[in-house]
Amino acid sequence: MSDTPVYVVANFIVHDAAAYREYEKGFFSILKRHEGTFLTYDDNTTTFEGASPREGRMVMFMFPTENHATAWYDDADYQALSEHRRAGTDLQFLTMVHGLPPRG
C-alpha cells in the first residue's frame, strides 16, 4: 500500500429517500474521522464513450492513502451506518481508484 491518494467512486439509485437520509446524517463525520474529503456528487452524469453507469447518483470522495480508505470502509461505525445505504439504495458499485504517485 502506497502513500498516494485514493479516490472512492460510487454509483447508486436511491429508492428509499428516508433510509438514505439516515445514511447521509452519519456519513460525513465518519469520513472526516478517516481524513476523507468529499469531492462531489452528480445525479445527471454524462458518458462520452463506452457503457454508461446506470442512472442515479455518482459520488466521489478521496483519502490521503489506501490505508485510510480501507480503515474507513472497515470501520464498525461505517458498516453499521451503511445498512441504511443498503436499505435505501440499489448500489451499482463502490470502487477505490488509486491516484498517481508523486513525480520526482
PDB file of N, CA and C in Angstrom:
ATOM      1  N   MET A   1       0.844  -1.182   0.000  1.00  0.00           N
ATOM      2  CA  MET A   1       0.000   0.000   0.000  1.00  0.00           C
ATOM      3  C   MET A   1       0.886   1.241   0.000  1.00  0.00           C
ATOM      4  N   SER A   2       0.556   2.163  -0.863  1.00  0.00           N
ATOM      5  CA  SER A   2       1.402   3.341  -1.020  1.00  0.00           C
ATOM      6  C   SER A   2       0.819   4.535  -0.275  1.00  0.00           C
ATOM      7  N   ASP A   3       1.602   5.603  -0.302  1.00  0.00           N
ATOM      8  CA  ASP A   3       1.173   6.839   0.322  1.00  0.00           C
ATOM      9  C   ASP A   3       0.558   7.802  -0.679  1.00  0.00           C
ATOM     10  N   THR A   4       0.073   7.289  -1.797  1.00  0.00           N
ATOM     11  CA  THR A   4      -0.587   8.144  -2.778  1.00  0.00           C
ATOM     12  C   THR A   4      -2.066   8.242  -2.425  1.00  0.00           C
ATOM     13  N   PRO A   5      -2.713   9.336  -2.819  1.00  0.00           N
ATOM     14  CA  PRO A   5      -4.136   9.465  -2.527  1.00  0.00           C
ATOM     15  C   PRO A   5      -4.945   8.422  -3.298  1.00  0.00           C
ATOM     16  N   VAL A   6      -6.098   8.112  -2.761  1.00  0.00           N
ATOM     17  CA  VAL A   6      -7.042   7.231  -3.439  1.00  0.00           C
ATOM     18  C   VAL A   6      -8.387   7.942  -3.490  1.00  0.00           C
ATOM     19  N   TYR A   7      -9.161   7.577  -4.485  1.00  0.00           N
ATOM     20  CA  TYR A   7     -10.471   8.156  -4.707  1.00  0.00           C
ATOM     21  C   TYR A   7     -11.503   7.048  -4.631  1.00  0.00           C
ATOM     22  N   VAL A   8     -12.636   7.335  -4.046  1.00  0.00           N
ATOM     23  CA  VAL A   8     -13.724   6.371  -3.973  1.00  0.00           C
ATOM     24  C   VAL A   8     -14.862   6.917  -4.826  1.00  0.00           C
ATOM     25  N   VAL A   9     -15.357   6.062  -5.698  1.00  0.00           N
ATOM     26  CA  VAL A   9     -16.444   6.422  -6.605  1.00  0.00           C
ATOM     27  C   VAL A   9     -17.579   5.439  -6.368  1.00  0.00           C
ATOM     28  N   ALA A  10     -18.768   5.967  -6.227  1.00  0.00           N
ATOM     29  CA  ALA A  10     -19.946   5.118  -6.029  1.00  0.00           C
ATOM     30  C   ALA A  10     -21.025   5.528  -7.009  1.00  0.00           C
ATOM     31  N   ASN A  11     -21.804   4.551  -7.439  1.00  0.00           N
ATOM     32  CA  ASN A  11     -22.951   4.805  -8.300  1.00  0.00           C
ATOM     33  C   ASN A  11     -24.122   4.024  -7.748  1.00  0.00           C
ATOM     34  N   PHE A  12     -25.230   4.705  -7.502  1.00  0.00           N
ATOM     35  CA  PHE A  12     -26.394   4.039  -6.930  1.00  0.00           C
ATOM     36  C   PHE A  12     -27.664   4.801  -7.264  1.00  0.00           C
ATOM     37  N   ILE A  13     -28.777   4.118  -7.134  1.00  0.00           N
ATOM     38  CA  ILE A  13     -30.095   4.713  -7.307  1.00  0.00           C
ATOM     39  C   ILE A  13     -30.773   4.703  -5.943  1.00  0.00           C
ATOM     40  N   VAL A  14     -31.239   5.860  -5.509  1.00  0.00           N
ATOM     41  CA  VAL A  14     -31.955   5.960  -4.237  1.00  0.00           C
ATOM     42  C   VAL A  14     -33.397   5.528  -4.472  1.00  0.00           C
ATOM     43  N   HIS A  15     -33.830   4.507  -3.736  1.00  0.00           N
ATOM     44  CA  HIS A  15     -35.219   4.068  -3.854  1.00  0.00           C
ATOM     45  C   HIS A  15     -35.991   4.269  -2.555  1.00  0.00           C
ATOM     46  N   ASP A  16     -35.292   4.601  -1.463  1.00  0.00           N
ATOM     47  CA  ASP A  16     -35.935   4.915  -0.186  1.00  0.00           C
ATOM     48  C   ASP A  16     -35.203   6.129   0.386  1.00  0.00           C
ATOM     49  N   ALA A  17     -35.746   7.313   0.110  1.00  0.00           N
ATOM     50  CA  ALA A  17     -35.076   8.566   0.494  1.00  0.00           C
ATOM     51  C   ALA A  17     -34.895   8.685   2.001  1.00  0.00           C
ATOM     52  N   ALA A  18     -35.833   8.223   2.788  1.00  0.00           N
ATOM     53  CA  ALA A  18     -35.723   8.329   4.248  1.00  0.00           C
ATOM     54  C   ALA A  18     -34.559   7.486   4.769  1.00  0.00           C
ATOM     55  N   ALA A  19     -34.422   6.278   4.269  1.00  0.00           N
ATOM     56  CA  ALA A  19     -33.304   5.418   4.698  1.00  0.00           C
ATOM     57  C   ALA A  19     -31.977   6.030   4.255  1.00  0.00           C
ATOM     58  N   TYR A  20     -31.932   6.552   3.047  1.00  0.00           N
ATOM     59  CA  TYR A  20     -30.696   7.160   2.561  1.00  0.00           C
ATOM     60  C   TYR A  20     -30.344   8.410   3.367  1.00  0.00           C
ATOM     61  N   ARG A  21     -31.330   9.203   3.773  1.00  0.00           N
ATOM     62  CA  ARG A  21     -31.061  10.381   4.610  1.00  0.00           C
ATOM     63  C   ARG A  21     -30.426   9.976   5.939  1.00  0.00           C
ATOM     64  N   GLU A  22     -30.840   8.852   6.500  1.00  0.00           N
ATOM     65  CA  GLU A  22     -30.214   8.362   7.740  1.00  0.00           C
ATOM     66  C   GLU A  22     -28.734   8.069   7.507  1.00  0.00           C
ATOM     67  N   TYR A  23     -28.422   7.514   6.370  1.00  0.00           N
ATOM     68  CA  TYR A  23     -27.028   7.252   5.996  1.00  0.00           C
ATOM     69  C   TYR A  23     -26.262   8.565   5.868  1.00  0.00           C
ATOM     70  N   GLU A  24     -26.837   9.514   5.152  1.00  0.00           N
ATOM     71  CA  GLU A  24     -26.164  10.805   4.945  1.00  0.00           C
ATOM     72  C   GLU A  24     -25.874  11.514   6.264  1.00  0.00           C
ATOM     73  N   LYS A  25     -26.776  11.412   7.231  1.00  0.00           N
ATOM     74  CA  LYS A  25     -26.605  12.094   8.522  1.00  0.00           C
ATOM     75  C   LYS A  25     -25.319  11.680   9.220  1.00  0.00           C
ATOM     76  N   GLY A  26     -24.926  10.429   9.119  1.00  0.00           N
ATOM     77  CA  GLY A  26     -23.733   9.953   9.805  1.00  0.00           C
ATOM     78  C   GLY A  26     -22.494   9.846   8.926  1.00  0.00           C
ATOM     79  N   PHE A  27     -22.672   9.943   7.618  1.00  0.00           N
ATOM     80  CA  PHE A  27     -21.584   9.689   6.686  1.00  0.00           C
ATOM     81  C   PHE A  27     -20.407  10.646   6.864  1.00  0.00           C
ATOM     82  N   PHE A  28     -20.674  11.937   6.913  1.00  0.00           N
ATOM     83  CA  PHE A  28     -19.597  12.923   6.859  1.00  0.00           C
ATOM     84  C   PHE A  28     -18.698  12.898   8.094  1.00  0.00           C
ATOM     85  N   SER A  29     -19.255  12.630   9.257  1.00  0.00           N
ATOM     86  CA  SER A  29     -18.408  12.570  10.458  1.00  0.00           C
ATOM     87  C   SER A  29     -17.472  11.363  10.415  1.00  0.00           C
ATOM     88  N   ILE A  30     -17.940  10.257   9.886  1.00  0.00           N
ATOM     89  CA  ILE A  30     -17.079   9.068   9.769  1.00  0.00           C
ATOM     90  C   ILE A  30     -16.030   9.295   8.682  1.00  0.00           C
ATOM     91  N   LEU A  31     -16.419   9.914   7.575  1.00  0.00           N
ATOM     92  CA  LEU A  31     -15.471  10.239   6.511  1.00  0.00           C
ATOM     93  C   LEU A  31     -14.349  11.113   7.071  1.00  0.00           C
ATOM     94  N   LYS A  32     -14.716  12.141   7.821  1.00  0.00           N
ATOM     95  CA  LYS A  32     -13.736  13.069   8.395  1.00  0.00           C
ATOM     96  C   LYS A  32     -12.809  12.349   9.387  1.00  0.00           C
ATOM     97  N   ARG A  33     -13.360  11.431  10.163  1.00  0.00           N
ATOM     98  CA  ARG A  33     -12.570  10.667  11.136  1.00  0.00           C
ATOM     99  C   ARG A  33     -11.403   9.955  10.458  1.00  0.00           C
ATOM    100  N   HIS A  34     -11.593   9.561   9.207  1.00  0.00           N
ATOM    101  CA  HIS A  34     -10.560   8.834   8.461  1.00  0.00           C
ATOM    102  C   HIS A  34      -9.835   9.738   7.460  1.00  0.00           C
ATOM    103  N   GLU A  35      -9.927  11.047   7.683  1.00  0.00           N
ATOM    104  CA  GLU A  35      -9.244  12.062   6.871  1.00  0.00           C
ATOM    105  C   GLU A  35      -9.720  12.079   5.422  1.00  0.00           C
ATOM    106  N   GLY A  36     -10.963  11.642   5.221  1.00  0.00           N
ATOM    107  CA  GLY A  36     -11.542  11.678   3.894  1.00  0.00           C
ATOM    108  C   GLY A  36     -12.052  13.062   3.545  1.00  0.00           C
ATOM    109  N   THR A  37     -12.094  13.337   2.255  1.00  0.00           N
ATOM    110  CA  THR A  37     -12.586  14.604   1.733  1.00  0.00           C
ATOM    111  C   THR A  37     -13.666  14.320   0.703  1.00  0.00           C
ATOM    112  N   PHE A  38     -14.835  14.879   0.922  1.00  0.00           N
ATOM    113  CA  PHE A  38     -15.921  14.737  -0.037  1.00  0.00           C
ATOM    114  C   PHE A  38     -15.622  15.649  -1.226  1.00  0.00           C
ATOM    115  N   LEU A  39     -15.685  15.119  -2.434  1.00  0.00           N
ATOM    116  CA  LEU A  39     -15.384  15.908  -3.622  1.00  0.00           C
ATOM    117  C   LEU A  39     -16.647  16.419  -4.305  1.00  0.00           C
ATOM    118  N   THR A  40     -17.556  15.512  -4.660  1.00  0.00           N
ATOM    119  CA  THR A  40     -18.754  15.937  -5.389  1.00  0.00           C
ATOM    120  C   THR A  40     -19.745  14.788  -5.502  1.00  0.00           C
ATOM    121  N   TYR A  41     -20.927  15.135  -5.946  1.00  0.00           N
ATOM    122  CA  TYR A  41     -21.900  14.127  -6.375  1.00  0.00           C
ATOM    123  C   TYR A  41     -22.624  14.702  -7.589  1.00  0.00           C
ATOM    124  N   ASP A  42     -23.225  13.823  -8.375  1.00  0.00           N
ATOM    125  CA  ASP A  42     -23.936  14.259  -9.571  1.00  0.00           C
ATOM    126  C   ASP A  42     -25.070  13.281  -9.834  1.00  0.00           C
ATOM    127  N   ASP A  43     -26.259  13.814 -10.004  1.00  0.00           N
ATOM    128  CA  ASP A  43     -27.413  12.982 -10.332  1.00  0.00           C
ATOM    129  C   ASP A  43     -27.665  12.902 -11.837  1.00  0.00           C
ATOM    130  N   ASN A  44     -26.848  13.600 -12.635  1.00  0.00           N
ATOM    131  CA  ASN A  44     -27.052  13.633 -14.087  1.00  0.00           C
ATOM    132  C   ASN A  44     -25.713  13.583 -14.809  1.00  0.00           C
ATOM    133  N   THR A  45     -24.982  12.486 -14.676  1.00  0.00           N
ATOM    134  CA  THR A  45     -23.673  12.368 -15.314  1.00  0.00           C
ATOM    135  C   THR A  45     -23.803  12.241 -16.824  1.00  0.00           C
ATOM    136  N   THR A  46     -22.717  12.522 -17.514  1.00  0.00           N
ATOM    137  CA  THR A  46     -22.644  12.387 -18.962  1.00  0.00           C
ATOM    138  C   THR A  46     -21.518  11.418 -19.298  1.00  0.00           C
ATOM    139  N   THR A  47     -21.814  10.396 -20.071  1.00  0.00           N
ATOM    140  CA  THR A  47     -20.806   9.450 -20.529  1.00  0.00           C
ATOM    141  C   THR A  47     -20.506   9.760 -21.992  1.00  0.00           C
ATOM    142  N   PHE A  48     -19.241  10.043 -22.279  1.00  0.00           N
ATOM    143  CA  PHE A  48     -18.855  10.369 -23.649  1.00  0.00           C
ATOM    144  C   PHE A  48     -18.650   9.133 -24.508  1.00  0.00           C
ATOM    145  N   GLU A  49     -18.120   8.072 -23.925  1.00  0.00           N
ATOM    146  CA  GLU A  49     -17.883   6.840 -24.676  1.00  0.00           C
ATOM    147  C   GLU A  49     -18.061   5.653 -23.748  1.00  0.00           C
ATOM    148  N   GLY A  50     -18.303   4.497 -24.326  1.00  0.00           N
ATOM    149  CA  GLY A  50     -18.392   3.259 -23.557  1.00  0.00           C
ATOM    150  C   GLY A  50     -19.740   3.101 -22.867  1.00  0.00           C
ATOM    151  N   ALA A  51     -19.825   2.028 -22.104  1.00  0.00           N
ATOM    152  CA  ALA A  51     -21.060   1.734 -21.381  1.00  0.00           C
ATOM    153  C   ALA A  51     -21.257   2.759 -20.271  1.00  0.00           C
ATOM    154  N   SER A  52     -22.439   3.307 -20.215  1.00  0.00           N
ATOM    155  CA  SER A  52     -22.758   4.314 -19.211  1.00  0.00           C
ATOM    156  C   SER A  52     -23.131   3.640 -17.897  1.00  0.00           C
ATOM    157  N   PRO A  53     -22.695   4.233 -16.761  1.00  0.00           N
ATOM    158  CA  PRO A  53     -23.215   3.726 -15.488  1.00  0.00           C
ATOM    159  C   PRO A  53     -24.732   3.856 -15.496  1.00  0.00           C
ATOM    160  N   ARG A  54     -25.365   3.068 -14.683  1.00  0.00           N
ATOM    161  CA  ARG A  54     -26.817   3.170 -14.608  1.00  0.00           C
ATOM    162  C   ARG A  54     -27.208   4.574 -14.190  1.00  0.00           C
ATOM    163  N   GLU A  55     -28.429   4.881 -14.405  1.00  0.00           N
ATOM    164  CA  GLU A  55     -28.930   6.167 -13.923  1.00  0.00           C
ATOM    165  C   GLU A  55     -28.762   6.205 -12.418  1.00  0.00           C
ATOM    166  N   GLY A  56     -28.833   7.382 -11.880  1.00  0.00           N
ATOM    167  CA  GLY A  56     -28.729   7.514 -10.444  1.00  0.00           C
ATOM    168  C   GLY A  56     -27.626   8.474 -10.053  1.00  0.00           C
ATOM    169  N   ARG A  57     -27.204   8.370  -8.836  1.00  0.00           N
ATOM    170  CA  ARG A  57     -26.231   9.293  -8.262  1.00  0.00           C
ATOM    171  C   ARG A  57     -24.818   8.726  -8.364  1.00  0.00           C
ATOM    172  N   MET A  58     -23.906   9.595  -8.779  1.00  0.00           N
ATOM    173  CA  MET A  58     -22.477   9.275  -8.770  1.00  0.00           C
ATOM    174  C   MET A  58     -21.872  10.136  -7.668  1.00  0.00           C
ATOM    175  N   VAL A  59     -21.093   9.516  -6.787  1.00  0.00           N
ATOM    176  CA  VAL A  59     -20.473  10.203  -5.656  1.00  0.00           C
ATOM    177  C   VAL A  59     -18.972   9.967  -5.716  1.00  0.00           C
ATOM    178  N   MET A  60     -18.187  11.022  -5.401  1.00  0.00           N
ATOM    179  CA  MET A  60     -16.732  10.898  -5.388  1.00  0.00           C
ATOM    180  C   MET A  60     -16.177  11.552  -4.129  1.00  0.00           C
ATOM    181  N   PHE A  61     -15.268  10.825  -3.460  1.00  0.00           N
ATOM    182  CA  PHE A  61     -14.543  11.378  -2.327  1.00  0.00           C
ATOM    183  C   PHE A  61     -13.148  10.790  -2.319  1.00  0.00           C
ATOM    184  N   MET A  62     -12.255  11.335  -1.490  1.00  0.00           N
ATOM    185  CA  MET A  62     -10.865  10.882  -1.518  1.00  0.00           C
ATOM    186  C   MET A  62     -10.316  10.723  -0.107  1.00  0.00           C
ATOM    187  N   PHE A  63      -9.229   9.952  -0.037  1.00  0.00           N
ATOM    188  CA  PHE A  63      -8.473   9.737   1.197  1.00  0.00           C
ATOM    189  C   PHE A  63      -7.002   9.947   0.888  1.00  0.00           C
ATOM    190  N   PRO A  64      -6.209  10.311   1.901  1.00  0.00           N
ATOM    191  CA  PRO A  64      -4.784  10.548   1.641  1.00  0.00           C
ATOM    192  C   PRO A  64      -4.013   9.280   1.260  1.00  0.00           C
ATOM    193  N   THR A  65      -4.483   8.123   1.706  1.00  0.00           N
ATOM    194  CA  THR A  65      -3.808   6.864   1.380  1.00  0.00           C
ATOM    195  C   THR A  65      -4.836   5.733   1.288  1.00  0.00           C
ATOM    196  N   GLU A  66      -4.395   4.617   0.723  1.00  0.00           N
ATOM    197  CA  GLU A  66      -5.235   3.419   0.669  1.00  0.00           C
ATOM    198  C   GLU A  66      -5.562   2.928   2.078  1.00  0.00           C
ATOM    199  N   ASN A  67      -4.605   3.028   2.993  1.00  0.00           N
ATOM    200  CA  ASN A  67      -4.862   2.603   4.373  1.00  0.00           C
ATOM    201  C   ASN A  67      -6.018   3.381   4.990  1.00  0.00           C
ATOM    202  N   HIS A  68      -6.078   4.678   4.728  1.00  0.00           N
ATOM    203  CA  HIS A  68      -7.180   5.494   5.256  1.00  0.00           C
ATOM    204  C   HIS A  68      -8.519   5.018   4.685  1.00  0.00           C
ATOM    205  N   ALA A  69      -8.551   4.763   3.375  1.00  0.00           N
ATOM    206  CA  ALA A  69      -9.792   4.322   2.739  1.00  0.00           C
ATOM    207  C   ALA A  69     -10.232   2.966   3.275  1.00  0.00           C
ATOM    208  N   THR A  70      -9.298   2.064   3.434  1.00  0.00           N
ATOM    209  CA  THR A  70      -9.625   0.734   3.947  1.00  0.00           C
ATOM    210  C   THR A  70     -10.115   0.813   5.384  1.00  0.00           C
ATOM    211  N   ALA A  71      -9.472   1.663   6.184  1.00  0.00           N
ATOM    212  CA  ALA A  71      -9.898   1.837   7.574  1.00  0.00           C
ATOM    213  C   ALA A  71     -11.306   2.424   7.637  1.00  0.00           C
ATOM    214  N   TRP A  72     -11.606   3.374   6.738  1.00  0.00           N
ATOM    215  CA  TRP A  72     -12.959   3.942   6.678  1.00  0.00           C
ATOM    216  C   TRP A  72     -13.971   2.847   6.361  1.00  0.00           C
ATOM    217  N   TYR A  73     -13.719   2.079   5.312  1.00  0.00           N
ATOM    218  CA  TYR A  73     -14.685   1.052   4.907  1.00  0.00           C
ATOM    219  C   TYR A  73     -14.849  -0.023   5.971  1.00  0.00           C
ATOM    220  N   ASP A  74     -13.760  -0.392   6.637  1.00  0.00           N
ATOM    221  CA  ASP A  74     -13.804  -1.442   7.657  1.00  0.00           C
ATOM    222  C   ASP A  74     -14.287  -0.954   9.019  1.00  0.00           C
ATOM    223  N   ASP A  75     -14.418   0.355   9.196  1.00  0.00           N
ATOM    224  CA  ASP A  75     -14.852   0.934  10.471  1.00  0.00           C
ATOM    225  C   ASP A  75     -16.212   0.354  10.861  1.00  0.00           C
ATOM    226  N   ALA A  76     -16.312  -0.171  12.079  1.00  0.00           N
ATOM    227  CA  ALA A  76     -17.563  -0.780  12.541  1.00  0.00           C
ATOM    228  C   ALA A  76     -18.713   0.231  12.512  1.00  0.00           C
ATOM    229  N   ASP A  77     -18.430   1.486  12.835  1.00  0.00           N
ATOM    230  CA  ASP A  77     -19.479   2.513  12.783  1.00  0.00           C
ATOM    231  C   ASP A  77     -19.952   2.725  11.351  1.00  0.00           C
ATOM    232  N   TYR A  78     -19.008   2.725  10.389  1.00  0.00           N
ATOM    233  CA  TYR A  78     -19.411   2.891   8.999  1.00  0.00           C
ATOM    234  C   TYR A  78     -20.220   1.693   8.529  1.00  0.00           C
ATOM    235  N   GLN A  79     -19.789   0.505   8.861  1.00  0.00           N
ATOM    236  CA  GLN A  79     -20.523  -0.681   8.428  1.00  0.00           C
ATOM    237  C   GLN A  79     -21.936  -0.694   8.998  1.00  0.00           C
ATOM    238  N   ALA A  80     -22.089  -0.280  10.255  1.00  0.00           N
ATOM    239  CA  ALA A  80     -23.437  -0.197  10.843  1.00  0.00           C
ATOM    240  C   ALA A  80     -24.262   0.856  10.103  1.00  0.00           C
ATOM    241  N   LEU A  81     -23.663   2.023   9.847  1.00  0.00           N
ATOM    242  CA  LEU A  81     -24.354   3.094   9.144  1.00  0.00           C
ATOM    243  C   LEU A  81     -24.709   2.690   7.718  1.00  0.00           C
ATOM    244  N   SER A  82     -23.835   1.954   7.067  1.00  0.00           N
ATOM    245  CA  SER A  82     -24.055   1.598   5.663  1.00  0.00           C
ATOM    246  C   SER A  82     -25.273   0.690   5.475  1.00  0.00           C
ATOM    247  N   GLU A  83     -25.770   0.113   6.540  1.00  0.00           N
ATOM    248  CA  GLU A  83     -27.011  -0.672   6.427  1.00  0.00           C
ATOM    249  C   GLU A  83     -28.151   0.218   5.941  1.00  0.00           C
ATOM    250  N   HIS A  84     -28.136   1.501   6.321  1.00  0.00           N
ATOM    251  CA  HIS A  84     -29.150   2.444   5.825  1.00  0.00           C
ATOM    252  C   HIS A  84     -28.975   2.665   4.318  1.00  0.00           C
ATOM    253  N   ARG A  85     -27.718   2.789   3.865  1.00  0.00           N
ATOM    254  CA  ARG A  85     -27.477   2.927   2.422  1.00  0.00           C
ATOM    255  C   ARG A  85     -27.930   1.674   1.692  1.00  0.00           C
ATOM    256  N   ARG A  86     -27.604   0.540   2.235  1.00  0.00           N
ATOM    257  CA  ARG A  86     -28.001  -0.716   1.585  1.00  0.00           C
ATOM    258  C   ARG A  86     -29.524  -0.848   1.514  1.00  0.00           C
ATOM    259  N   ALA A  87     -30.203  -0.375   2.564  1.00  0.00           N
ATOM    260  CA  ALA A  87     -31.673  -0.450   2.593  1.00  0.00           C
ATOM    261  C   ALA A  87     -32.315   0.578   1.679  1.00  0.00           C
ATOM    262  N   GLY A  88     -31.634   1.715   1.468  1.00  0.00           N
ATOM    263  CA  GLY A  88     -32.252   2.811   0.743  1.00  0.00           C
ATOM    264  C   GLY A  88     -31.815   2.992  -0.691  1.00  0.00           C
ATOM    265  N   THR A  89     -30.821   2.196  -1.132  1.00  0.00           N
ATOM    266  CA  THR A  89     -30.318   2.373  -2.492  1.00  0.00           C
ATOM    267  C   THR A  89     -30.123   1.032  -3.178  1.00  0.00           C
ATOM    268  N   ASP A  90     -30.032   1.115  -4.484  1.00  0.00           N
ATOM    269  CA  ASP A  90     -29.636  -0.023  -5.313  1.00  0.00           C
ATOM    270  C   ASP A  90     -28.230   0.317  -5.801  1.00  0.00           C
ATOM    271  N   LEU A  91     -27.215  -0.249  -5.166  1.00  0.00           N
ATOM    272  CA  LEU A  91     -25.825   0.090  -5.439  1.00  0.00           C
ATOM    273  C   LEU A  91     -25.326  -0.632  -6.688  1.00  0.00           C
ATOM    274  N   GLN A  92     -24.752   0.148  -7.606  1.00  0.00           N
ATOM    275  CA  GLN A  92     -24.102  -0.434  -8.777  1.00  0.00           C
ATOM    276  C   GLN A  92     -22.656  -0.771  -8.445  1.00  0.00           C
ATOM    277  N   PHE A  93     -21.929   0.193  -7.846  1.00  0.00           N
ATOM    278  CA  PHE A  93     -20.553  -0.069  -7.452  1.00  0.00           C
ATOM    279  C   PHE A  93     -20.087   0.932  -6.412  1.00  0.00           C
ATOM    280  N   LEU A  94     -19.099   0.524  -5.644  1.00  0.00           N
ATOM    281  CA  LEU A  94     -18.364   1.340  -4.679  1.00  0.00           C
ATOM    282  C   LEU A  94     -16.909   0.944  -4.907  1.00  0.00           C
ATOM    283  N   THR A  95     -16.153   1.802  -5.597  1.00  0.00           N
ATOM    284  CA  THR A  95     -14.846   1.440  -6.123  1.00  0.00           C
ATOM    285  C   THR A  95     -13.757   2.380  -5.641  1.00  0.00           C
ATOM    286  N   MET A  96     -12.591   1.838  -5.289  1.00  0.00           N
ATOM    287  CA  MET A  96     -11.422   2.640  -4.933  1.00  0.00           C
ATOM    288  C   MET A  96     -10.533   2.747  -6.153  1.00  0.00           C
ATOM    289  N   VAL A  97     -10.128   3.975  -6.478  1.00  0.00           N
ATOM    290  CA  VAL A  97      -9.238   4.266  -7.600  1.00  0.00           C
ATOM    291  C   VAL A  97      -7.963   4.864  -7.040  1.00  0.00           C
ATOM    292  N   HIS A  98      -6.823   4.278  -7.377  1.00  0.00           N
ATOM    293  CA  HIS A  98      -5.532   4.771  -6.868  1.00  0.00           C
ATOM    294  C   HIS A  98      -5.058   5.981  -7.647  1.00  0.00           C
ATOM    295  N   GLY A  99      -4.589   6.983  -6.915  1.00  0.00           N
ATOM    296  CA  GLY A  99      -4.035   8.176  -7.535  1.00  0.00           C
ATOM    297  C   GLY A  99      -2.629   7.905  -8.041  1.00  0.00           C
ATOM    298  N   LEU A 100      -2.110   8.833  -8.785  1.00  0.00           N
ATOM    299  CA  LEU A 100      -0.751   8.717  -9.307  1.00  0.00           C
ATOM    300  C   LEU A 100       0.258   9.025  -8.212  1.00  0.00           C
ATOM    301  N   PRO A 101       1.374   8.308  -8.188  1.00  0.00           N
ATOM    302  CA  PRO A 101       2.423   8.635  -7.206  1.00  0.00           C
ATOM    303  C   PRO A 101       3.066   9.972  -7.540  1.00  0.00           C
ATOM    304  N   PRO A 102       3.650  10.631  -6.547  1.00  0.00           N
ATOM    305  CA  PRO A 102       4.305  11.906  -6.827  1.00  0.00           C
ATOM    306  C   PRO A 102       5.421  11.721  -7.860  1.00  0.00           C
ATOM    307  N   ARG A 103       5.575  12.715  -8.731  1.00  0.00           N
ATOM    308  CA  ARG A 103       6.664  12.667  -9.726  1.00  0.00           C
ATOM    309  C   ARG A 103       7.908  13.265  -9.133  1.00  0.00           C
ATOM    310  N   GLY A 104       9.027  12.655  -9.386  1.00  0.00           N
ATOM    311  CA  GLY A 104      10.251  13.149  -8.782  1.00  0.00           C
ATOM    312  C   GLY A 104      11.325  13.396  -9.676  1.00  0.00           C
TER     313      GLY A 104
END
